[in-house]
Amino acid sequence: MSDLNRGIMKFDGADQPLVIGITAFVVLSSIVALIVWALKVAYAVN
């Protein structure tokens, strides 16, 4: 059992590269979206 198949990722195939890639994309895009939103709310970006 891989270390990636433990914790909150308790399902078969949690250590597959496709699943890791999709998860990384979702997390990073959420962070970017929050940064863009914060800049727009703070009027730092037109």
N, C-alpha and C. Protein backbone atom coordinates (compact mmCIF):
# COMPACT_ATOMS: atom_id res chain seq x y z
N MET A 1 0.85 -1.18 0.00
CA MET A 1 0.00 0.00 0.00
C MET A 1 0.90 1.24 0.00
N SER A 2 0.58 2.14 -0.89
CA SER A 2 1.33 3.39 -0.99
C SER A 2 0.92 4.35 0.12
N ASP A 3 1.80 5.27 0.44
CA ASP A 3 1.47 6.28 1.44
C ASP A 3 0.36 7.20 0.95
N LEU A 4 0.21 7.32 -0.39
CA LEU A 4 -0.85 8.17 -0.93
C LEU A 4 -2.22 7.52 -0.80
N ASN A 5 -2.26 6.24 -0.49
CA ASN A 5 -3.52 5.52 -0.37
C ASN A 5 -3.98 5.47 1.09
N ARG A 6 -3.56 6.43 1.88
CA ARG A 6 -3.94 6.51 3.30
C ARG A 6 -4.52 7.88 3.60
N GLY A 7 -4.95 8.10 4.78
CA GLY A 7 -5.49 9.40 5.16
C GLY A 7 -6.84 9.65 4.50
N ILE A 8 -7.02 10.86 3.94
CA ILE A 8 -8.31 11.18 3.34
C ILE A 8 -8.46 10.56 1.96
N MET A 9 -7.37 10.05 1.38
CA MET A 9 -7.43 9.42 0.05
C MET A 9 -7.57 7.91 0.21
N LYS A 10 -8.58 7.46 0.94
CA LYS A 10 -8.76 6.04 1.23
C LYS A 10 -9.62 5.38 0.16
N PHE A 11 -9.08 5.21 -1.03
CA PHE A 11 -9.77 4.45 -2.05
C PHE A 11 -8.74 3.82 -2.96
N ASP A 12 -9.11 2.74 -3.61
CA ASP A 12 -8.19 2.05 -4.51
C ASP A 12 -7.84 2.96 -5.68
N GLY A 13 -6.57 3.02 -6.00
CA GLY A 13 -6.13 3.83 -7.12
C GLY A 13 -5.82 5.26 -6.75
N ALA A 14 -5.75 5.56 -5.46
CA ALA A 14 -5.47 6.93 -5.04
C ALA A 14 -4.05 7.34 -5.38
N ASP A 15 -3.18 6.37 -5.63
CA ASP A 15 -1.80 6.70 -5.94
C ASP A 15 -1.51 6.68 -7.44
N GLN A 16 -2.54 6.67 -8.27
CA GLN A 16 -2.35 6.70 -9.71
C GLN A 16 -1.96 8.11 -10.14
N PRO A 17 -1.07 8.24 -11.11
CA PRO A 17 -0.63 9.57 -11.56
C PRO A 17 -1.78 10.45 -12.05
N LEU A 18 -2.78 9.87 -12.70
CA LEU A 18 -3.90 10.66 -13.19
C LEU A 18 -4.68 11.30 -12.04
N VAL A 19 -4.94 10.53 -11.00
CA VAL A 19 -5.67 11.04 -9.84
C VAL A 19 -4.86 12.13 -9.14
N ILE A 20 -3.55 11.92 -9.01
CA ILE A 20 -2.68 12.91 -8.38
C ILE A 20 -2.66 14.19 -9.21
N GLY A 21 -2.59 14.05 -10.52
CA GLY A 21 -2.59 15.21 -11.41
C GLY A 21 -3.88 16.01 -11.34
N ILE A 22 -5.00 15.31 -11.34
CA ILE A 22 -6.30 16.00 -11.25
C ILE A 22 -6.43 16.72 -9.92
N THR A 23 -6.03 16.07 -8.84
CA THR A 23 -6.11 16.68 -7.52
C THR A 23 -5.21 17.91 -7.44
N ALA A 24 -3.99 17.80 -7.97
CA ALA A 24 -3.06 18.93 -7.95
C ALA A 24 -3.63 20.09 -8.76
N PHE A 25 -4.24 19.80 -9.92
CA PHE A 25 -4.83 20.85 -10.75
C PHE A 25 -5.96 21.55 -10.02
N VAL A 26 -6.81 20.80 -9.37
CA VAL A 26 -7.95 21.39 -8.64
C VAL A 26 -7.45 22.27 -7.50
N VAL A 27 -6.49 21.80 -6.76
CA VAL A 27 -5.98 22.57 -5.62
C VAL A 27 -5.29 23.84 -6.10
N LEU A 28 -4.41 23.72 -7.10
CA LEU A 28 -3.68 24.90 -7.57
C LEU A 28 -4.59 25.91 -8.26
N SER A 29 -5.57 25.43 -9.02
CA SER A 29 -6.49 26.36 -9.66
C SER A 29 -7.37 27.07 -8.64
N SER A 30 -7.72 26.39 -7.56
CA SER A 30 -8.49 27.03 -6.49
C SER A 30 -7.67 28.13 -5.82
N ILE A 31 -6.39 27.87 -5.59
CA ILE A 31 -5.52 28.88 -4.99
C ILE A 31 -5.39 30.09 -5.90
N VAL A 32 -5.20 29.84 -7.20
CA VAL A 32 -5.09 30.95 -8.15
C VAL A 32 -6.39 31.74 -8.20
N ALA A 33 -7.52 31.05 -8.19
CA ALA A 33 -8.82 31.73 -8.23
C ALA A 33 -9.01 32.61 -6.98
N LEU A 34 -8.60 32.13 -5.83
CA LEU A 34 -8.71 32.92 -4.60
C LEU A 34 -7.81 34.15 -4.65
N ILE A 35 -6.61 34.00 -5.19
CA ILE A 35 -5.69 35.14 -5.30
C ILE A 35 -6.26 36.19 -6.24
N VAL A 36 -6.77 35.76 -7.39
CA VAL A 36 -7.36 36.69 -8.35
C VAL A 36 -8.56 37.39 -7.75
N TRP A 37 -9.41 36.64 -7.06
CA TRP A 37 -10.58 37.24 -6.41
C TRP A 37 -10.16 38.27 -5.36
N ALA A 38 -9.15 37.92 -4.56
CA ALA A 38 -8.70 38.84 -3.51
C ALA A 38 -8.14 40.12 -4.11
N LEU A 39 -7.41 40.02 -5.21
CA LEU A 39 -6.86 41.21 -5.85
C LEU A 39 -7.97 42.08 -6.43
N LYS A 40 -9.00 41.46 -7.00
CA LYS A 40 -10.10 42.23 -7.55
C LYS A 40 -10.91 42.91 -6.45
N VAL A 41 -11.11 42.24 -5.35
CA VAL A 41 -11.87 42.82 -4.24
C VAL A 41 -11.10 43.97 -3.61
N ALA A 42 -9.78 43.85 -3.57
CA ALA A 42 -8.95 44.89 -2.97
C ALA A 42 -8.66 46.03 -3.94
N TYR A 43 -9.24 45.98 -5.15
CA TYR A 43 -9.05 47.00 -6.17
C TYR A 43 -7.59 47.17 -6.59
N ALA A 44 -6.81 46.13 -6.47
CA ALA A 44 -5.41 46.19 -6.91
C ALA A 44 -5.31 45.92 -8.41
N VAL A 45 -6.32 45.29 -8.97
CA VAL A 45 -6.36 44.99 -10.41
C VAL A 45 -7.63 45.60 -10.97
N ASN A 46 -7.51 46.24 -12.12
CA ASN A 46 -8.70 46.88 -12.73
C ASN A 46 -9.69 45.85 -13.22
